[in-house]
PDB file of N, CA and C in Angstrom:
ATOM      1  N   MET A   1     -30.835   3.155  22.056  1.00  0.00           N
ATOM      2  CA  MET A   1     -30.113   4.178  21.254  1.00  0.00           C
ATOM      3  C   MET A   1     -28.955   4.074  22.051  1.00  0.00           C
ATOM      4  N   ARG A   2     -28.564   3.722  23.319  1.00  0.00           N
ATOM      5  CA  ARG A   2     -27.141   3.923  23.780  1.00  0.00           C
ATOM      6  C   ARG A   2     -26.628   2.927  23.004  1.00  0.00           C
ATOM      7  N   ARG A   3     -27.176   2.089  22.562  1.00  0.00           N
ATOM      8  CA  ARG A   3     -26.544   0.417  22.192  1.00  0.00           C
ATOM      9  C   ARG A   3     -26.087   0.626  20.723  1.00  0.00           C
ATOM     10  N   THR A   4     -27.043   1.284  20.254  1.00  0.00           N
ATOM     11  CA  THR A   4     -26.835   1.960  18.703  1.00  0.00           C
ATOM     12  C   THR A   4     -25.616   2.817  18.662  1.00  0.00           C
ATOM     13  N   LEU A   5     -25.403   3.738  19.302  1.00  0.00           N
ATOM     14  CA  LEU A   5     -24.756   5.008  19.450  1.00  0.00           C
ATOM     15  C   LEU A   5     -23.206   3.906  19.662  1.00  0.00           C
ATOM     16  N   LEU A   6     -22.702   3.215  20.613  1.00  0.00           N
ATOM     17  CA  LEU A   6     -22.177   2.558  21.057  1.00  0.00           C
ATOM     18  C   LEU A   6     -21.319   1.704  19.752  1.00  0.00           C
ATOM     19  N   SER A   7     -22.503   1.080  19.137  1.00  0.00           N
ATOM     20  CA  SER A   7     -22.119   0.220  18.051  1.00  0.00           C
ATOM     21  C   SER A   7     -21.794   0.985  16.863  1.00  0.00           C
ATOM     22  N   VAL A   8     -22.032   2.089  16.571  1.00  0.00           N
ATOM     23  CA  VAL A   8     -21.223   2.997  15.778  1.00  0.00           C
ATOM     24  C   VAL A   8     -20.549   3.407  15.923  1.00  0.00           C
ATOM     25  N   PHE A   9     -20.224   3.856  17.459  1.00  0.00           N
ATOM     26  CA  PHE A   9     -18.775   4.037  17.483  1.00  0.00           C
ATOM     27  C   PHE A   9     -17.262   3.401  17.801  1.00  0.00           C
ATOM     28  N   VAL A  10     -17.793   2.075  18.039  1.00  0.00           N
ATOM     29  CA  VAL A  10     -17.119   0.962  17.532  1.00  0.00           C
ATOM     30  C   VAL A  10     -16.708   0.422  16.225  1.00  0.00           C
ATOM     31  N   VAL A  11     -17.509   0.705  15.430  1.00  0.00           N
ATOM     32  CA  VAL A  11     -17.396   0.609  13.855  1.00  0.00           C
ATOM     33  C   VAL A  11     -16.361   1.477  13.608  1.00  0.00           C
ATOM     34  N   LEU A  12     -16.470   2.625  13.672  1.00  0.00           N
ATOM     35  CA  LEU A  12     -15.879   3.721  13.059  1.00  0.00           C
ATOM     36  C   LEU A  12     -14.513   3.649  13.788  1.00  0.00           C
ATOM     37  N   ILE A  13     -14.142   3.479  15.022  1.00  0.00           N
ATOM     38  CA  ILE A  13     -12.923   3.098  15.776  1.00  0.00           C
ATOM     39  C   ILE A  13     -12.192   1.858  14.588  1.00  0.00           C
ATOM     40  N   SER A  14     -13.087   0.948  14.627  1.00  0.00           N
ATOM     41  CA  SER A  14     -12.280  -0.274  13.716  1.00  0.00           C
ATOM     42  C   SER A  14     -11.852   0.281  12.579  1.00  0.00           C
ATOM     43  N   ILE A  15     -12.651   0.966  12.050  1.00  0.00           N
ATOM     44  CA  ILE A  15     -12.349   1.367  10.232  1.00  0.00           C
ATOM     45  C   ILE A  15     -10.816   2.232  10.526  1.00  0.00           C
ATOM     46  N   ALA A  16     -10.908   3.578  11.427  1.00  0.00           N
ATOM     47  CA  ALA A  16      -9.884   4.081  11.633  1.00  0.00           C
ATOM     48  C   ALA A  16      -8.576   3.394  12.039  1.00  0.00           C
ATOM     49  N   THR A  17      -8.634   2.197  12.605  1.00  0.00           N
ATOM     50  CA  THR A  17      -7.478   1.404  13.550  1.00  0.00           C
ATOM     51  C   THR A  17      -6.889   0.633  11.752  1.00  0.00           C
ATOM     52  N   PHE A  18      -8.029   0.306  11.448  1.00  0.00           N
ATOM     53  CA  PHE A  18      -7.338  -0.543   9.778  1.00  0.00           C
ATOM     54  C   PHE A  18      -6.458   0.127   9.210  1.00  0.00           C
ATOM     55  N   ALA A  19      -7.230   1.620   8.969  1.00  0.00           N
ATOM     56  CA  ALA A  19      -6.565   2.765   7.858  1.00  0.00           C
ATOM     57  C   ALA A  19      -5.378   2.899   8.452  1.00  0.00           C
ATOM     58  N   GLN A  20      -5.046   2.477   9.995  1.00  0.00           N
ATOM     59  CA  GLN A  20      -3.592   3.089  10.227  1.00  0.00           C
ATOM     60  C   GLN A  20      -2.571   1.737  10.294  1.00  0.00           C
ATOM     61  N   SER A  21      -3.046   0.609   9.840  1.00  0.00           N
ATOM     62  CA  SER A  21      -2.553  -0.661   9.705  1.00  0.00           C
ATOM     63  C   SER A  21      -1.161  -0.230   9.239  1.00  0.00           C
ATOM     64  N   THR A  22      -0.382  -1.044  10.234  1.00  0.00           N
ATOM     65  CA  THR A  22       0.988  -1.181   9.304  1.00  0.00           C
ATOM     66  C   THR A  22       1.574  -2.670   8.495  1.00  0.00           C
ATOM     67  N   SER A  23       0.139  -3.445   8.911  1.00  0.00           N
ATOM     68  CA  SER A  23       0.691  -4.594   7.887  1.00  0.00           C
ATOM     69  C   SER A  23       1.230  -4.518   6.590  1.00  0.00           C
ATOM     70  N   PRO A  24       1.471  -5.382   5.989  1.00  0.00           N
ATOM     71  CA  PRO A  24       1.824  -5.265   4.097  1.00  0.00           C
ATOM     72  C   PRO A  24       0.850  -5.218   3.929  1.00  0.00           C
ATOM     73  N   GLU A  25      -0.061  -5.570   4.383  1.00  0.00           N
ATOM     74  CA  GLU A  25      -1.179  -5.928   3.252  1.00  0.00           C
ATOM     75  C   GLU A  25      -2.421  -4.334   3.507  1.00  0.00           C
ATOM     76  N   GLY A  26      -2.246  -3.423   4.829  1.00  0.00           N
ATOM     77  CA  GLY A  26      -2.804  -2.589   5.252  1.00  0.00           C
ATOM     78  C   GLY A  26      -1.659  -1.521   4.452  1.00  0.00           C
ATOM     79  N   LEU A  27      -0.663  -1.483   4.271  1.00  0.00           N
ATOM     80  CA  LEU A  27       0.311  -0.598   3.356  1.00  0.00           C
ATOM     81  C   LEU A  27       0.272  -0.771   2.017  1.00  0.00           C
ATOM     82  N   TYR A  28      -0.064  -1.777   1.766  1.00  0.00           N
ATOM     83  CA  TYR A  28      -0.613  -1.879   0.017  1.00  0.00           C
ATOM     84  C   TYR A  28      -2.202  -1.128  -0.479  1.00  0.00           C
ATOM     85  N   GLU A  29      -3.181  -1.388   0.871  1.00  0.00           N
ATOM     86  CA  GLU A  29      -4.306  -0.478   0.218  1.00  0.00           C
ATOM     87  C   GLU A  29      -3.931   0.714   0.493  1.00  0.00           C
ATOM     88  N   ARG A  30      -3.104   1.431   1.557  1.00  0.00           N
ATOM     89  CA  ARG A  30      -3.157   2.445   1.657  1.00  0.00           C
ATOM     90  C   ARG A  30      -2.191   3.536   0.319  1.00  0.00           C
ATOM     91  N   GLY A  31      -1.326   2.572  -0.389  1.00  0.00           N
ATOM     92  CA  GLY A  31      -0.386   3.035  -1.273  1.00  0.00           C
ATOM     93  C   GLY A  31      -1.777   2.675  -2.370  1.00  0.00           C
ATOM     94  N   MET A  32      -2.613   1.589  -2.402  1.00  0.00           N
ATOM     95  CA  MET A  32      -3.458   2.069  -3.621  1.00  0.00           C
ATOM     96  C   MET A  32      -4.606   3.221  -3.637  1.00  0.00           C
ATOM     97  N   ASP A  33      -4.834   3.590  -2.357  1.00  0.00           N
ATOM     98  CA  ASP A  33      -5.790   4.677  -2.203  1.00  0.00           C
ATOM     99  C   ASP A  33      -4.699   5.568  -2.475  1.00  0.00           C
ATOM    100  N   ALA A  34      -3.699   5.920  -2.399  1.00  0.00           N
ATOM    101  CA  ALA A  34      -2.981   7.455  -2.354  1.00  0.00           C
ATOM    102  C   ALA A  34      -2.917   7.182  -3.891  1.00  0.00           C
ATOM    103  N   ILE A  35      -2.209   6.312  -4.713  1.00  0.00           N
ATOM    104  CA  ILE A  35      -1.962   6.700  -6.340  1.00  0.00           C
ATOM    105  C   ILE A  35      -3.451   6.386  -6.814  1.00  0.00           C
ATOM    106  N   SER A  36      -4.900   5.905  -6.400  1.00  0.00           N
ATOM    107  CA  SER A  36      -5.962   6.415  -6.888  1.00  0.00           C
ATOM    108  C   SER A  36      -6.761   7.579  -6.841  1.00  0.00           C
ATOM    109  N   GLY A  37      -6.297   7.820  -5.594  1.00  0.00           N
ATOM    110  CA  GLY A  37      -7.248   9.351  -5.038  1.00  0.00           C
ATOM    111  C   GLY A  37      -7.987   9.033  -4.114  1.00  0.00           C
ATOM    112  N   ALA A  38      -8.373   8.117  -4.096  1.00  0.00           N
ATOM    113  CA  ALA A  38      -8.923   7.409  -2.886  1.00  0.00           C
ATOM    114  C   ALA A  38      -8.772   7.949  -1.836  1.00  0.00           C
ATOM    115  N   GLY A  39      -9.705   8.662  -0.825  1.00  0.00           N
ATOM    116  CA  GLY A  39      -8.959   9.362   0.528  1.00  0.00           C
ATOM    117  C   GLY A  39      -8.935  10.839   0.504  1.00  0.00           C
ATOM    118  N   PRO A  40      -8.008  11.106   1.360  1.00  0.00           N
ATOM    119  CA  PRO A  40      -7.806  12.412   1.402  1.00  0.00           C
ATOM    120  C   PRO A  40      -7.581  13.121   0.198  1.00  0.00           C
ATOM    121  N   SER A  41      -6.712  12.250  -0.438  1.00  0.00           N
ATOM    122  CA  SER A  41      -5.894  13.075  -1.982  1.00  0.00           C
ATOM    123  C   SER A  41      -5.073  12.280  -2.462  1.00  0.00           C
ATOM    124  N   ARG A  42      -4.701  12.516  -3.900  1.00  0.00           N
ATOM    125  CA  ARG A  42      -3.890  11.756  -4.698  1.00  0.00           C
ATOM    126  C   ARG A  42      -2.314  12.483  -4.522  1.00  0.00           C
ATOM    127  N   ASN A  43      -1.543  10.970  -4.261  1.00  0.00           N
ATOM    128  CA  ASN A  43      -0.228  11.429  -3.854  1.00  0.00           C
ATOM    129  C   ASN A  43       0.601  10.132  -4.063  1.00  0.00           C
ATOM    130  N   ASP A  44       1.361  10.043  -5.416  1.00  0.00           N
ATOM    131  CA  ASP A  44       2.460   9.233  -6.039  1.00  0.00           C
ATOM    132  C   ASP A  44       3.601   9.167  -5.128  1.00  0.00           C
ATOM    133  N   ARG A  45       3.847  10.261  -4.212  1.00  0.00           N
ATOM    134  CA  ARG A  45       4.890  10.109  -3.625  1.00  0.00           C
ATOM    135  C   ARG A  45       4.844   9.381  -2.898  1.00  0.00           C
ATOM    136  N   ASP A  46       3.847   9.146  -1.589  1.00  0.00           N
ATOM    137  CA  ASP A  46       3.308   8.552  -0.614  1.00  0.00           C
ATOM    138  C   ASP A  46       2.993   7.035  -1.334  1.00  0.00           C
ATOM    139  N   ALA A  47       2.447   7.016  -2.226  1.00  0.00           N
ATOM    140  CA  ALA A  47       1.556   5.324  -2.580  1.00  0.00           C
ATOM    141  C   ALA A  47       2.580   4.885  -2.873  1.00  0.00           C
ATOM    142  N   LEU A  48       4.170   5.335  -3.523  1.00  0.00           N
ATOM    143  CA  LEU A  48       5.234   4.562  -3.657  1.00  0.00           C
ATOM    144  C   LEU A  48       6.196   4.227  -2.426  1.00  0.00           C
ATOM    145  N   GLU A  49       5.862   5.434  -1.613  1.00  0.00           N
ATOM    146  CA  GLU A  49       6.882   5.152  -0.145  1.00  0.00           C
ATOM    147  C   GLU A  49       5.694   3.541   1.003  1.00  0.00           C
ATOM    148  N   TYR A  50       4.365   3.644   0.502  1.00  0.00           N
ATOM    149  CA  TYR A  50       3.543   2.920   0.949  1.00  0.00           C
ATOM    150  C   TYR A  50       4.086   1.127   0.106  1.00  0.00           C
ATOM    151  N   PHE A  51       4.075   1.637  -0.890  1.00  0.00           N
ATOM    152  CA  PHE A  51       4.415   0.230  -1.441  1.00  0.00           C
ATOM    153  C   PHE A  51       5.631  -0.188  -1.245  1.00  0.00           C
ATOM    154  N   ARG A  52       6.749   0.639  -1.209  1.00  0.00           N
ATOM    155  CA  ARG A  52       8.290   0.058  -0.983  1.00  0.00           C
ATOM    156  C   ARG A  52       8.442  -0.280   0.598  1.00  0.00           C
ATOM    157  N   ARG A  53       7.701   0.122   1.688  1.00  0.00           N
ATOM    158  CA  ARG A  53       7.502  -0.385   2.754  1.00  0.00           C
ATOM    159  C   ARG A  53       7.069  -1.928   2.873  1.00  0.00           C
ATOM    160  N   SER A  54       5.525  -1.905   2.146  1.00  0.00           N
ATOM    161  CA  SER A  54       5.015  -3.446   2.239  1.00  0.00           C
ATOM    162  C   SER A  54       6.086  -4.295   1.278  1.00  0.00           C
ATOM    163  N   ALA A  55       6.702  -3.881   0.154  1.00  0.00           N
ATOM    164  CA  ALA A  55       7.581  -4.728  -0.156  1.00  0.00           C
ATOM    165  C   ALA A  55       8.532  -5.416   0.448  1.00  0.00           C
ATOM    166  N   GLU A  56       9.029  -4.496   1.407  1.00  0.00           N
ATOM    167  CA  GLU A  56      10.159  -4.719   2.060  1.00  0.00           C
ATOM    168  C   GLU A  56       9.849  -6.115   3.291  1.00  0.00           C
ATOM    169  N   LEU A  57       8.330  -5.874   3.294  1.00  0.00           N
ATOM    170  CA  LEU A  57       7.624  -6.605   4.393  1.00  0.00           C
ATOM    171  C   LEU A  57       7.711  -8.112   3.642  1.00  0.00           C
ATOM    172  N   GLY A  58       7.650  -8.128   2.818  1.00  0.00           N
ATOM    173  CA  GLY A  58       7.463  -9.726   2.081  1.00  0.00           C
ATOM    174  C   GLY A  58       6.534  -9.657   0.846  1.00  0.00           C
ATOM    175  N   PHE A  59       5.343  -8.434   1.190  1.00  0.00           N
ATOM    176  CA  PHE A  59       4.203  -8.726   0.423  1.00  0.00           C
ATOM    177  C   PHE A  59       4.400  -8.529  -1.334  1.00  0.00           C
ATOM    178  N   GLY A  60       4.152  -9.905  -1.997  1.00  0.00           N
ATOM    179  CA  GLY A  60       4.245  -9.798  -3.503  1.00  0.00           C
ATOM    180  C   GLY A  60       3.428  -9.099  -3.924  1.00  0.00           C
ATOM    181  N   PRO A  61       2.089  -8.708  -4.071  1.00  0.00           N
ATOM    182  CA  PRO A  61       1.472  -7.417  -4.936  1.00  0.00           C
ATOM    183  C   PRO A  61       2.057  -6.211  -4.849  1.00  0.00           C
ATOM    184  N   SER A  62       2.915  -5.646  -3.491  1.00  0.00           N
ATOM    185  CA  SER A  62       3.683  -4.521  -3.735  1.00  0.00           C
ATOM    186  C   SER A  62       4.830  -4.593  -4.589  1.00  0.00           C
ATOM    187  N   GLN A  63       5.425  -5.793  -4.412  1.00  0.00           N
ATOM    188  CA  GLN A  63       6.537  -5.818  -4.975  1.00  0.00           C
ATOM    189  C   GLN A  63       6.146  -5.800  -6.606  1.00  0.00           C
ATOM    190  N   VAL A  64       5.403  -6.059  -7.139  1.00  0.00           N
ATOM    191  CA  VAL A  64       4.905  -5.853  -8.556  1.00  0.00           C
ATOM    192  C   VAL A  64       4.584  -4.648  -8.566  1.00  0.00           C
ATOM    193  N   ALA A  65       3.528  -3.897  -7.791  1.00  0.00           N
ATOM    194  CA  ALA A  65       3.466  -2.401  -8.042  1.00  0.00           C
ATOM    195  C   ALA A  65       4.729  -1.603  -8.142  1.00  0.00           C
ATOM    196  N   LEU A  66       5.553  -1.913  -7.320  1.00  0.00           N
ATOM    197  CA  LEU A  66       7.191  -1.199  -7.366  1.00  0.00           C
ATOM    198  C   LEU A  66       7.876  -1.462  -8.844  1.00  0.00           C
ATOM    199  N   GLY A  67       7.857  -2.799  -9.547  1.00  0.00           N
ATOM    200  CA  GLY A  67       8.019  -3.036 -10.499  1.00  0.00           C
ATOM    201  C   GLY A  67       7.336  -2.657 -11.465  1.00  0.00           C
ATOM    202  N   TYR A  68       6.358  -2.523 -11.397  1.00  0.00           N
ATOM    203  CA  TYR A  68       4.936  -1.754 -12.778  1.00  0.00           C
ATOM    204  C   TYR A  68       5.793  -0.095 -12.603  1.00  0.00           C
ATOM    205  N   PHE A  69       5.902   0.398 -11.546  1.00  0.00           N
ATOM    206  CA  PHE A  69       6.203   2.041 -11.557  1.00  0.00           C
ATOM    207  C   PHE A  69       7.888   2.149 -12.041  1.00  0.00           C
ATOM    208  N   SER A  70       8.522   1.045 -12.480  1.00  0.00           N
ATOM    209  CA  SER A  70       9.998   1.345 -12.889  1.00  0.00           C
ATOM    210  C   SER A  70      10.184   1.597 -13.924  1.00  0.00           C
ATOM    211  N   LYS A  71       9.149   1.364 -14.942  1.00  0.00           N
ATOM    212  CA  LYS A  71       8.801   1.682 -16.046  1.00  0.00           C
ATOM    213  C   LYS A  71       9.245   3.014 -16.676  1.00  0.00           C
ATOM    214  N   PRO A  72      10.142   3.055 -17.357  1.00  0.00           N
ATOM    215  CA  PRO A  72      10.270   4.640 -17.980  1.00  0.00           C
ATOM    216  C   PRO A  72       9.741   5.670 -17.753  1.00  0.00           C
ATOM    217  N   ALA A  73       8.137   5.573 -18.385  1.00  0.00           N
ATOM    218  CA  ALA A  73       7.344   6.510 -17.673  1.00  0.00           C
ATOM    219  C   ALA A  73       7.147   7.330 -16.580  1.00  0.00           C
ATOM    220  N   SER A  74       7.637   6.346 -15.534  1.00  0.00           N
ATOM    221  CA  SER A  74       7.225   6.066 -14.017  1.00  0.00           C
ATOM    222  C   SER A  74       7.611   7.177 -13.316  1.00  0.00           C
ATOM    223  N   SER A  75       7.253   7.401 -11.978  1.00  0.00           N
ATOM    224  CA  SER A  75       7.736   8.327 -11.371  1.00  0.00           C
ATOM    225  C   SER A  75       8.945   7.343 -10.560  1.00  0.00           C
ATOM    226  N   LEU A  76       8.912   6.648 -10.285  1.00  0.00           N
ATOM    227  CA  LEU A  76       9.871   5.577  -9.736  1.00  0.00           C
ATOM    228  C   LEU A  76      11.127   5.592 -10.109  1.00  0.00           C
ATOM    229  N   PRO A  77      12.293   6.066  -9.732  1.00  0.00           N
ATOM    230  CA  PRO A  77      13.702   5.576 -10.603  1.00  0.00           C
ATOM    231  C   PRO A  77      13.876   4.307 -10.854  1.00  0.00           C
ATOM    232  N   ALA A  78      14.667   3.827 -11.815  1.00  0.00           N
ATOM    233  CA  ALA A  78      14.688   2.894 -12.148  1.00  0.00           C
ATOM    234  C   ALA A  78      15.606   2.144 -11.085  1.00  0.00           C
ATOM    235  N   ALA A  79      16.630   3.062 -10.467  1.00  0.00           N
ATOM    236  CA  ALA A  79      17.766   2.374  -9.378  1.00  0.00           C
ATOM    237  C   ALA A  79      17.368   1.656  -8.266  1.00  0.00           C
ATOM    238  N   ARG A  80      15.682   2.734  -8.038  1.00  0.00           N
ATOM    239  CA  ARG A  80      15.147   1.840  -6.566  1.00  0.00           C
ATOM    240  C   ARG A  80      14.522   0.746  -7.149  1.00  0.00           C
ATOM    241  N   ALA A  81      13.606   1.092  -8.166  1.00  0.00           N
ATOM    242  CA  ALA A  81      12.945  -0.341  -8.512  1.00  0.00           C
ATOM    243  C   ALA A  81      13.363  -1.531  -8.961  1.00  0.00           C
ATOM    244  N   ARG A  82      14.619  -1.415  -9.280  1.00  0.00           N
ATOM    245  CA  ARG A  82      15.683  -2.687  -9.852  1.00  0.00           C
ATOM    246  C   ARG A  82      15.590  -3.970  -8.896  1.00  0.00           C
ATOM    247  N   PRO A  83      15.763  -3.213  -7.373  1.00  0.00           N
ATOM    248  CA  PRO A  83      15.367  -5.177  -6.695  1.00  0.00           C
ATOM    249  C   PRO A  83      14.363  -5.778  -6.675  1.00  0.00           C
ATOM    250  N   TRP A  84      13.349  -4.946  -7.416  1.00  0.00           N
ATOM    251  CA  TRP A  84      12.082  -5.613  -7.483  1.00  0.00           C
ATOM    252  C   TRP A  84      11.784  -6.596  -8.580  1.00  0.00           C
ATOM    253  N   ILE A  85      12.674  -6.055  -9.804  1.00  0.00           N
ATOM    254  CA  ILE A  85      12.518  -6.387 -11.062  1.00  0.00           C
ATOM    255  C   ILE A  85      13.552  -7.632 -11.079  1.00  0.00           C
ATOM    256  N   GLY A  86      12.958  -8.509 -12.311  1.00  0.00           N
ATOM    257  CA  GLY A  86      13.901  -9.336 -12.063  1.00  0.00           C
ATOM    258  C   GLY A  86      14.875 -10.446 -11.489  1.00  0.00           C
ATOM    259  N   THR A  87      13.914 -10.425 -10.114  1.00  0.00           N
ATOM    260  CA  THR A  87      14.038 -11.334  -8.701  1.00  0.00           C
ATOM    261  C   THR A  87      13.323 -11.663  -8.844  1.00  0.00           C
ATOM    262  N   GLU A  88      13.437 -12.819  -7.890  1.00  0.00           N
ATOM    263  CA  GLU A  88      12.529 -14.130  -7.656  1.00  0.00           C
ATOM    264  C   GLU A  88      11.630 -13.923  -6.231  1.00  0.00           C
ATOM    265  N   LYS A  89      11.877 -12.595  -5.944  1.00  0.00           N
ATOM    266  CA  LYS A  89      11.344 -12.540  -4.612  1.00  0.00           C
ATOM    267  C   LYS A  89       9.778 -12.470  -4.721  1.00  0.00           C
ATOM    268  N   ALA A  90       9.051 -12.152  -5.369  1.00  0.00           N
ATOM    269  CA  ALA A  90       7.416 -11.919  -5.748  1.00  0.00           C
ATOM    270  C   ALA A  90       7.282 -13.528  -5.949  1.00  0.00           C
ATOM    271  N   ALA A  91       7.953 -13.984  -7.022  1.00  0.00           N
ATOM    272  CA  ALA A  91       7.438 -15.358  -7.619  1.00  0.00           C
ATOM    273  C   ALA A  91       7.856 -16.056  -7.032  1.00  0.00           C
ATOM    274  N   ASN A  92       8.403 -16.121  -6.028  1.00  0.00           N
ATOM    275  CA  ASN A  92       8.822 -17.328  -4.789  1.00  0.00           C
ATOM    276  C   ASN A  92       8.038 -17.033  -4.001  1.00  0.00           C
ATOM    277  N   GLN A  93       6.938 -16.231  -3.381  1.00  0.00           N
ATOM    278  CA  GLN A  93       5.878 -15.993  -2.282  1.00  0.00           C
ATOM    279  C   GLN A  93       4.709 -16.108  -3.173  1.00  0.00           C
ATOM    280  N   GLY A  94       4.690 -16.482  -3.863  1.00  0.00           N
ATOM    281  CA  GLY A  94       3.479 -16.727  -4.733  1.00  0.00           C
ATOM    282  C   GLY A  94       2.383 -15.967  -5.637  1.00  0.00           C
TER     283      GLY A  94
END
């Protein structure tokens, strides 16, 4: 019984640690959770911040996401998204 409880505790701690990750991939996942409403709540502003931080660390999918949100109907001002559009950053990284 103790072994099972310890195992469950370790798994929960691991999940919590991953959720707080500041790696580019972790930030991107947190952005996707925020934009889709998974987790605590949907928050576009937080999602864009996670994508921006991840993109600045060189994560290609985040750079693409920021480019996507630069469309006229999106909530990201074009001036903030412009560095991620029309550049070769994401393309050079695959």
